PDB file of N, CA and C in Angstrom:
ATOM      1  N   MET A   1       1.716 -13.847  -1.606  1.00  0.00           N
ATOM      2  CA  MET A   1       1.654 -13.652  -0.433  1.00  0.00           C
ATOM      3  C   MET A   1       0.219 -13.149   0.254  1.00  0.00           C
ATOM      4  N   SER A   2      -0.282 -13.680   1.441  1.00  0.00           N
ATOM      5  CA  SER A   2      -1.538 -13.682   1.479  1.00  0.00           C
ATOM      6  C   SER A   2      -1.911 -12.431   2.215  1.00  0.00           C
ATOM      7  N   ASN A   3      -3.091 -11.728   2.226  1.00  0.00           N
ATOM      8  CA  ASN A   3      -3.440 -10.686   3.073  1.00  0.00           C
ATOM      9  C   ASN A   3      -2.756 -10.895   4.527  1.00  0.00           C
ATOM     10  N   GLU A   4      -3.022 -11.983   5.169  1.00  0.00           N
ATOM     11  CA  GLU A   4      -2.597 -11.740   6.573  1.00  0.00           C
ATOM     12  C   GLU A   4      -1.500 -11.885   6.567  1.00  0.00           C
ATOM     13  N   ASP A   5      -0.390 -12.131   5.951  1.00  0.00           N
ATOM     14  CA  ASP A   5       1.181 -12.106   5.507  1.00  0.00           C
ATOM     15  C   ASP A   5       1.017 -10.612   5.718  1.00  0.00           C
ATOM     16  N   LEU A   6       0.625 -10.144   4.687  1.00  0.00           N
ATOM     17  CA  LEU A   6       0.805  -8.391   4.365  1.00  0.00           C
ATOM     18  C   LEU A   6       0.315  -7.852   6.002  1.00  0.00           C
ATOM     19  N   ARG A   7      -0.683  -8.095   6.240  1.00  0.00           N
ATOM     20  CA  ARG A   7      -0.984  -7.540   7.340  1.00  0.00           C
ATOM     21  C   ARG A   7      -0.164  -7.320   8.683  1.00  0.00           C
ATOM     22  N   LYS A   8       0.622  -8.722   8.598  1.00  0.00           N
ATOM     23  CA  LYS A   8       1.585  -8.567   9.445  1.00  0.00           C
ATOM     24  C   LYS A   8       2.940  -8.164   9.086  1.00  0.00           C
ATOM     25  N   GLN A   9       2.953  -8.141   8.164  1.00  0.00           N
ATOM     26  CA  GLN A   9       4.451  -7.042   7.941  1.00  0.00           C
ATOM     27  C   GLN A   9       3.886  -5.558   7.878  1.00  0.00           C
ATOM     28  N   ALA A  10       2.915  -5.441   7.474  1.00  0.00           N
ATOM     29  CA  ALA A  10       2.593  -3.989   7.624  1.00  0.00           C
ATOM     30  C   ALA A  10       2.509  -3.658   9.396  1.00  0.00           C
ATOM     31  N   HIS A  11       2.299  -4.552  10.231  1.00  0.00           N
ATOM     32  CA  HIS A  11       2.464  -4.097  11.792  1.00  0.00           C
ATOM     33  C   HIS A  11       3.486  -2.899  12.157  1.00  0.00           C
ATOM     34  N   ASP A  12       4.598  -3.534  11.657  1.00  0.00           N
ATOM     35  CA  ASP A  12       5.734  -2.398  11.853  1.00  0.00           C
ATOM     36  C   ASP A  12       6.121  -1.256  11.115  1.00  0.00           C
ATOM     37  N   LEU A  13       5.451  -1.026  10.327  1.00  0.00           N
ATOM     38  CA  LEU A  13       5.684  -0.308   9.289  1.00  0.00           C
ATOM     39  C   LEU A  13       5.336   1.025  10.006  1.00  0.00           C
ATOM     40  N   ASP A  14       6.275   2.234   9.420  1.00  0.00           N
ATOM     41  CA  ASP A  14       5.806   3.669   9.767  1.00  0.00           C
ATOM     42  C   ASP A  14       4.779   4.037   8.645  1.00  0.00           C
ATOM     43  N   VAL A  15       3.746   5.436   9.293  1.00  0.00           N
ATOM     44  CA  VAL A  15       3.049   6.142   8.189  1.00  0.00           C
ATOM     45  C   VAL A  15       4.045   6.842   7.365  1.00  0.00           C
ATOM     46  N   THR A  16       3.948   6.695   6.030  1.00  0.00           N
ATOM     47  CA  THR A  16       4.850   7.377   5.003  1.00  0.00           C
ATOM     48  C   THR A  16       4.018   8.570   4.225  1.00  0.00           C
ATOM     49  N   VAL A  17       2.372   8.365   4.434  1.00  0.00           N
ATOM     50  CA  VAL A  17       1.340   9.148   3.186  1.00  0.00           C
ATOM     51  C   VAL A  17       0.351   9.836   4.317  1.00  0.00           C
ATOM     52  N   TRP A  18       0.495  10.876   4.819  1.00  0.00           N
ATOM     53  CA  TRP A  18      -0.738  11.563   5.718  1.00  0.00           C
ATOM     54  C   TRP A  18      -1.569  12.334   4.533  1.00  0.00           C
ATOM     55  N   VAL A  19      -3.113  11.782   4.852  1.00  0.00           N
ATOM     56  CA  VAL A  19      -3.826  12.939   4.087  1.00  0.00           C
ATOM     57  C   VAL A  19      -4.771  13.713   5.255  1.00  0.00           C
ATOM     58  N   GLY A  20      -4.465  15.065   4.539  1.00  0.00           N
ATOM     59  CA  GLY A  20      -4.843  16.252   5.598  1.00  0.00           C
ATOM     60  C   GLY A  20      -6.334  16.835   4.852  1.00  0.00           C
ATOM     61  N   LYS A  21      -6.032  18.121   5.007  1.00  0.00           N
ATOM     62  CA  LYS A  21      -7.091  18.931   4.803  1.00  0.00           C
ATOM     63  C   LYS A  21      -7.229  18.834   3.111  1.00  0.00           C
ATOM     64  N   GLY A  22      -6.161  18.535   2.413  1.00  0.00           N
ATOM     65  CA  GLY A  22      -6.369  18.619   0.970  1.00  0.00           C
ATOM     66  C   GLY A  22      -6.962  17.676   0.402  1.00  0.00           C
ATOM     67  N   GLY A  23      -7.283  16.370   1.062  1.00  0.00           N
ATOM     68  CA  GLY A  23      -7.981  15.101   0.621  1.00  0.00           C
ATOM     69  C   GLY A  23      -7.127  14.455  -0.032  1.00  0.00           C
ATOM     70  N   ILE A  24      -7.958  13.235  -0.319  1.00  0.00           N
ATOM     71  CA  ILE A  24      -6.911  12.350  -1.225  1.00  0.00           C
ATOM     72  C   ILE A  24      -6.242  12.859  -2.357  1.00  0.00           C
ATOM     73  N   GLU A  25      -6.863  13.401  -2.897  1.00  0.00           N
ATOM     74  CA  GLU A  25      -6.479  14.157  -4.467  1.00  0.00           C
ATOM     75  C   GLU A  25      -5.028  14.379  -4.269  1.00  0.00           C
ATOM     76  N   ALA A  26      -4.777  15.185  -3.253  1.00  0.00           N
ATOM     77  CA  ALA A  26      -3.252  15.705  -2.993  1.00  0.00           C
ATOM     78  C   ALA A  26      -2.070  14.710  -2.407  1.00  0.00           C
ATOM     79  N   VAL A  27      -2.612  13.441  -2.231  1.00  0.00           N
ATOM     80  CA  VAL A  27      -1.368  12.462  -1.822  1.00  0.00           C
ATOM     81  C   VAL A  27      -1.501  11.532  -2.956  1.00  0.00           C
ATOM     82  N   THR A  28      -2.468  11.146  -4.164  1.00  0.00           N
ATOM     83  CA  THR A  28      -2.028   9.903  -5.231  1.00  0.00           C
ATOM     84  C   THR A  28      -0.780   9.831  -5.270  1.00  0.00           C
ATOM     85  N   ASP A  29      -0.295  10.880  -6.006  1.00  0.00           N
ATOM     86  CA  ASP A  29       0.827  10.953  -6.959  1.00  0.00           C
ATOM     87  C   ASP A  29       2.127  10.319  -5.972  1.00  0.00           C
ATOM     88  N   GLU A  30       2.061  10.834  -4.796  1.00  0.00           N
ATOM     89  CA  GLU A  30       2.941  10.376  -3.416  1.00  0.00           C
ATOM     90  C   GLU A  30       2.696   9.076  -3.450  1.00  0.00           C
ATOM     91  N   LEU A  31       1.829   8.434  -3.134  1.00  0.00           N
ATOM     92  CA  LEU A  31       1.303   7.113  -2.907  1.00  0.00           C
ATOM     93  C   LEU A  31       1.826   6.365  -3.914  1.00  0.00           C
ATOM     94  N   LYS A  32       1.302   6.756  -5.145  1.00  0.00           N
ATOM     95  CA  LYS A  32       1.730   5.967  -6.295  1.00  0.00           C
ATOM     96  C   LYS A  32       3.042   5.854  -6.256  1.00  0.00           C
ATOM     97  N   ASP A  33       4.213   6.918  -5.963  1.00  0.00           N
ATOM     98  CA  ASP A  33       5.288   6.453  -6.211  1.00  0.00           C
ATOM     99  C   ASP A  33       5.843   5.404  -5.222  1.00  0.00           C
ATOM    100  N   GLN A  34       5.317   5.894  -4.031  1.00  0.00           N
ATOM    101  CA  GLN A  34       5.726   4.880  -3.251  1.00  0.00           C
ATOM    102  C   GLN A  34       5.362   3.565  -3.274  1.00  0.00           C
ATOM    103  N   LEU A  35       4.331   3.429  -3.918  1.00  0.00           N
ATOM    104  CA  LEU A  35       3.795   2.175  -4.168  1.00  0.00           C
ATOM    105  C   LEU A  35       4.810   1.134  -5.168  1.00  0.00           C
ATOM    106  N   GLU A  36       5.625   2.035  -5.948  1.00  0.00           N
ATOM    107  CA  GLU A  36       6.376   1.604  -7.063  1.00  0.00           C
ATOM    108  C   GLU A  36       7.336   0.896  -6.126  1.00  0.00           C
ATOM    109  N   SER A  37       7.787   1.605  -5.131  1.00  0.00           N
ATOM    110  CA  SER A  37       9.058   1.247  -4.572  1.00  0.00           C
ATOM    111  C   SER A  37       9.015   0.125  -3.226  1.00  0.00           C
ATOM    112  N   ASN A  38       7.727   0.365  -2.893  1.00  0.00           N
ATOM    113  CA  ASN A  38       7.696  -0.386  -1.691  1.00  0.00           C
ATOM    114  C   ASN A  38       6.385  -1.458  -1.525  1.00  0.00           C
ATOM    115  N   GLU A  39       6.413  -2.869  -1.244  1.00  0.00           N
ATOM    116  CA  GLU A  39       5.724  -3.392  -1.260  1.00  0.00           C
ATOM    117  C   GLU A  39       4.452  -3.026  -0.548  1.00  0.00           C
ATOM    118  N   LEU A  40       4.219  -2.614   0.611  1.00  0.00           N
ATOM    119  CA  LEU A  40       3.479  -1.855   1.757  1.00  0.00           C
ATOM    120  C   LEU A  40       3.471  -0.511   1.583  1.00  0.00           C
ATOM    121  N   VAL A  41       2.213   0.324   1.910  1.00  0.00           N
ATOM    122  CA  VAL A  41       2.571   1.570   2.550  1.00  0.00           C
ATOM    123  C   VAL A  41       1.666   1.762   3.651  1.00  0.00           C
ATOM    124  N   LYS A  42       2.045   2.490   4.501  1.00  0.00           N
ATOM    125  CA  LYS A  42       1.052   2.966   5.525  1.00  0.00           C
ATOM    126  C   LYS A  42       0.624   4.115   5.347  1.00  0.00           C
ATOM    127  N   VAL A  43      -1.010   4.852   5.731  1.00  0.00           N
ATOM    128  CA  VAL A  43      -0.972   5.857   5.304  1.00  0.00           C
ATOM    129  C   VAL A  43      -2.219   6.508   6.251  1.00  0.00           C
ATOM    130  N   LYS A  44      -2.114   7.674   7.021  1.00  0.00           N
ATOM    131  CA  LYS A  44      -2.961   8.071   8.072  1.00  0.00           C
ATOM    132  C   LYS A  44      -3.895   9.119   7.544  1.00  0.00           C
ATOM    133  N   PHE A  45      -5.153   8.790   8.056  1.00  0.00           N
ATOM    134  CA  PHE A  45      -5.756  10.203   7.623  1.00  0.00           C
ATOM    135  C   PHE A  45      -6.448  10.739   8.705  1.00  0.00           C
ATOM    136  N   LEU A  46      -5.362  12.152   8.703  1.00  0.00           N
ATOM    137  CA  LEU A  46      -5.978  13.178  10.000  1.00  0.00           C
ATOM    138  C   LEU A  46      -7.140  13.733   9.500  1.00  0.00           C
ATOM    139  N   ARG A  47      -7.612  14.037  10.869  1.00  0.00           N
ATOM    140  CA  ARG A  47      -9.122  14.729  11.353  1.00  0.00           C
ATOM    141  C   ARG A  47      -9.567  15.699  10.294  1.00  0.00           C
ATOM    142  N   ALA A  48      -8.737  16.362   9.466  1.00  0.00           N
ATOM    143  CA  ALA A  48      -9.242  17.301   8.627  1.00  0.00           C
ATOM    144  C   ALA A  48      -9.663  17.193   7.265  1.00  0.00           C
ATOM    145  N   ALA A  49      -9.026  15.525   6.922  1.00  0.00           N
ATOM    146  CA  ALA A  49      -9.505  15.044   6.156  1.00  0.00           C
ATOM    147  C   ALA A  49     -10.884  13.792   5.970  1.00  0.00           C
ATOM    148  N   ARG A  50     -10.835  13.964   7.240  1.00  0.00           N
ATOM    149  CA  ARG A  50     -12.133  13.223   7.300  1.00  0.00           C
ATOM    150  C   ARG A  50     -13.460  13.538   7.418  1.00  0.00           C
ATOM    151  N   GLY A  51     -13.609  14.717   7.594  1.00  0.00           N
ATOM    152  CA  GLY A  51     -14.992  15.569   7.695  1.00  0.00           C
ATOM    153  C   GLY A  51     -16.163  14.503   8.164  1.00  0.00           C
ATOM    154  N   GLY A  52     -16.914  14.444   7.413  1.00  0.00           N
ATOM    155  CA  GLY A  52     -17.778  13.446   7.576  1.00  0.00           C
ATOM    156  C   GLY A  52     -18.301  12.192   7.336  1.00  0.00           C
ATOM    157  N   THR A  53     -17.059  12.104   6.654  1.00  0.00           N
ATOM    158  CA  THR A  53     -16.848  10.665   5.642  1.00  0.00           C
ATOM    159  C   THR A  53     -15.969   9.816   6.829  1.00  0.00           C
ATOM    160  N   SER A  54     -16.016   8.329   6.443  1.00  0.00           N
ATOM    161  CA  SER A  54     -15.350   7.269   7.737  1.00  0.00           C
ATOM    162  C   SER A  54     -13.825   7.397   6.868  1.00  0.00           C
ATOM    163  N   THR A  55     -12.825   7.028   7.782  1.00  0.00           N
ATOM    164  CA  THR A  55     -11.657   6.304   7.263  1.00  0.00           C
ATOM    165  C   THR A  55     -11.955   5.381   6.385  1.00  0.00           C
ATOM    166  N   ASP A  56     -12.687   4.290   6.453  1.00  0.00           N
ATOM    167  CA  ASP A  56     -12.858   3.077   5.807  1.00  0.00           C
ATOM    168  C   ASP A  56     -13.373   3.841   4.122  1.00  0.00           C
ATOM    169  N   GLU A  57     -14.403   4.568   3.846  1.00  0.00           N
ATOM    170  CA  GLU A  57     -14.582   5.071   3.072  1.00  0.00           C
ATOM    171  C   GLU A  57     -13.760   5.687   2.112  1.00  0.00           C
ATOM    172  N   LEU A  58     -12.673   7.022   2.903  1.00  0.00           N
ATOM    173  CA  LEU A  58     -11.998   7.431   2.412  1.00  0.00           C
ATOM    174  C   LEU A  58     -10.498   6.564   1.743  1.00  0.00           C
ATOM    175  N   ALA A  59     -10.788   5.196   2.847  1.00  0.00           N
ATOM    176  CA  ALA A  59      -9.184   4.537   2.314  1.00  0.00           C
ATOM    177  C   ALA A  59      -9.547   3.800   1.056  1.00  0.00           C
ATOM    178  N   GLU A  60     -10.620   3.040   0.955  1.00  0.00           N
ATOM    179  CA  GLU A  60     -11.251   2.752  -0.244  1.00  0.00           C
ATOM    180  C   GLU A  60     -11.370   3.625  -1.485  1.00  0.00           C
ATOM    181  N   ASP A  61     -11.625   4.876  -1.510  1.00  0.00           N
ATOM    182  CA  ASP A  61     -11.775   5.655  -2.365  1.00  0.00           C
ATOM    183  C   ASP A  61     -10.156   5.699  -2.681  1.00  0.00           C
ATOM    184  N   LEU A  62      -9.074   5.818  -1.936  1.00  0.00           N
ATOM    185  CA  LEU A  62      -8.282   6.156  -2.313  1.00  0.00           C
ATOM    186  C   LEU A  62      -7.215   5.195  -2.940  1.00  0.00           C
ATOM    187  N   ALA A  63      -7.701   3.698  -2.287  1.00  0.00           N
ATOM    188  CA  ALA A  63      -7.749   2.678  -2.986  1.00  0.00           C
ATOM    189  C   ALA A  63      -7.568   2.650  -4.609  1.00  0.00           C
ATOM    190  N   ASP A  64      -8.862   3.091  -5.136  1.00  0.00           N
ATOM    191  CA  ASP A  64      -9.452   3.461  -6.202  1.00  0.00           C
ATOM    192  C   ASP A  64      -8.553   4.250  -7.378  1.00  0.00           C
ATOM    193  N   ALA A  65      -8.149   5.402  -6.177  1.00  0.00           N
ATOM    194  CA  ALA A  65      -7.502   6.037  -7.098  1.00  0.00           C
ATOM    195  C   ALA A  65      -6.152   5.982  -7.814  1.00  0.00           C
ATOM    196  N   VAL A  66      -5.818   5.177  -6.699  1.00  0.00           N
ATOM    197  CA  VAL A  66      -4.088   5.035  -7.345  1.00  0.00           C
ATOM    198  C   VAL A  66      -3.982   3.333  -7.543  1.00  0.00           C
ATOM    199  N   ASN A  67      -5.161   2.741  -8.137  1.00  0.00           N
ATOM    200  CA  ASN A  67      -5.490   1.205  -8.361  1.00  0.00           C
ATOM    201  C   ASN A  67      -4.633   0.718  -7.580  1.00  0.00           C
ATOM    202  N   ALA A  68      -4.529   0.494  -5.925  1.00  0.00           N
ATOM    203  CA  ALA A  68      -3.987  -0.178  -4.963  1.00  0.00           C
ATOM    204  C   ALA A  68      -5.097  -1.380  -4.383  1.00  0.00           C
ATOM    205  N   GLU A  69      -4.315  -2.438  -4.042  1.00  0.00           N
ATOM    206  CA  GLU A  69      -5.437  -3.087  -3.374  1.00  0.00           C
ATOM    207  C   GLU A  69      -5.262  -2.766  -1.331  1.00  0.00           C
ATOM    208  N   LEU A  70      -6.171  -2.437  -0.982  1.00  0.00           N
ATOM    209  CA  LEU A  70      -6.427  -2.123   0.183  1.00  0.00           C
ATOM    210  C   LEU A  70      -6.411  -3.424   1.110  1.00  0.00           C
ATOM    211  N   ILE A  71      -5.070  -3.441   1.807  1.00  0.00           N
ATOM    212  CA  ILE A  71      -4.970  -4.623   2.965  1.00  0.00           C
ATOM    213  C   ILE A  71      -5.800  -4.397   3.976  1.00  0.00           C
ATOM    214  N   GLU A  72      -5.842  -3.149   4.666  1.00  0.00           N
ATOM    215  CA  GLU A  72      -6.728  -3.241   6.266  1.00  0.00           C
ATOM    216  C   GLU A  72      -6.824  -1.883   6.097  1.00  0.00           C
ATOM    217  N   THR A  73      -7.848  -1.438   7.223  1.00  0.00           N
ATOM    218  CA  THR A  73      -8.243   0.174   7.921  1.00  0.00           C
ATOM    219  C   THR A  73      -7.790  -0.298   9.532  1.00  0.00           C
ATOM    220  N   ARG A  74      -7.221   0.236  10.161  1.00  0.00           N
ATOM    221  CA  ARG A  74      -7.250   0.392  11.346  1.00  0.00           C
ATOM    222  C   ARG A  74      -7.198   1.785  12.607  1.00  0.00           C
ATOM    223  N   GLY A  75      -8.403   1.900  12.864  1.00  0.00           N
ATOM    224  CA  GLY A  75      -8.255   3.375  13.307  1.00  0.00           C
ATOM    225  C   GLY A  75      -8.389   4.297  12.275  1.00  0.00           C
ATOM    226  N   ASN A  76      -7.305   5.259  12.053  1.00  0.00           N
ATOM    227  CA  ASN A  76      -7.776   5.912  10.904  1.00  0.00           C
ATOM    228  C   ASN A  76      -6.141   6.024  10.202  1.00  0.00           C
ATOM    229  N   THR A  77      -5.651   4.755  10.398  1.00  0.00           N
ATOM    230  CA  THR A  77      -4.620   4.146   9.328  1.00  0.00           C
ATOM    231  C   THR A  77      -5.400   3.012   8.384  1.00  0.00           C
ATOM    232  N   ALA A  78      -4.632   3.232   7.147  1.00  0.00           N
ATOM    233  CA  ALA A  78      -4.771   2.162   6.268  1.00  0.00           C
ATOM    234  C   ALA A  78      -3.597   1.591   5.744  1.00  0.00           C
ATOM    235  N   VAL A  79      -3.624   0.514   4.931  1.00  0.00           N
ATOM    236  CA  VAL A  79      -2.022  -0.207   4.564  1.00  0.00           C
ATOM    237  C   VAL A  79      -2.610  -0.648   3.187  1.00  0.00           C
ATOM    238  N   TYR A  80      -2.073   0.062   2.150  1.00  0.00           N
ATOM    239  CA  TYR A  80      -1.915  -0.159   0.970  1.00  0.00           C
ATOM    240  C   TYR A  80      -0.912  -1.229   0.047  1.00  0.00           C
ATOM    241  N   HIS A  81      -1.155  -2.022  -0.666  1.00  0.00           N
ATOM    242  CA  HIS A  81      -0.644  -2.759  -1.777  1.00  0.00           C
ATOM    243  C   HIS A  81      -0.247  -2.584  -2.871  1.00  0.00           C
TER     244      HIS A  81
END
């Protein structure tokens, strides 16, 4: 499935993981679990998580941490495959 197809699928997804002041380390296990049972997972980066970091940077760090593919970031939300 192409990234474009995955992005279209992600459009209607609900956010199921929220990254807060605990940072990405606090959600890596949860995201790994969700990726095992779902093709796509949508993650929201709350203001407390961002600090001086951009959502794009955090999204890439989280993708690396769980060995997932970052499909897209939009606003403060990222989609993983």
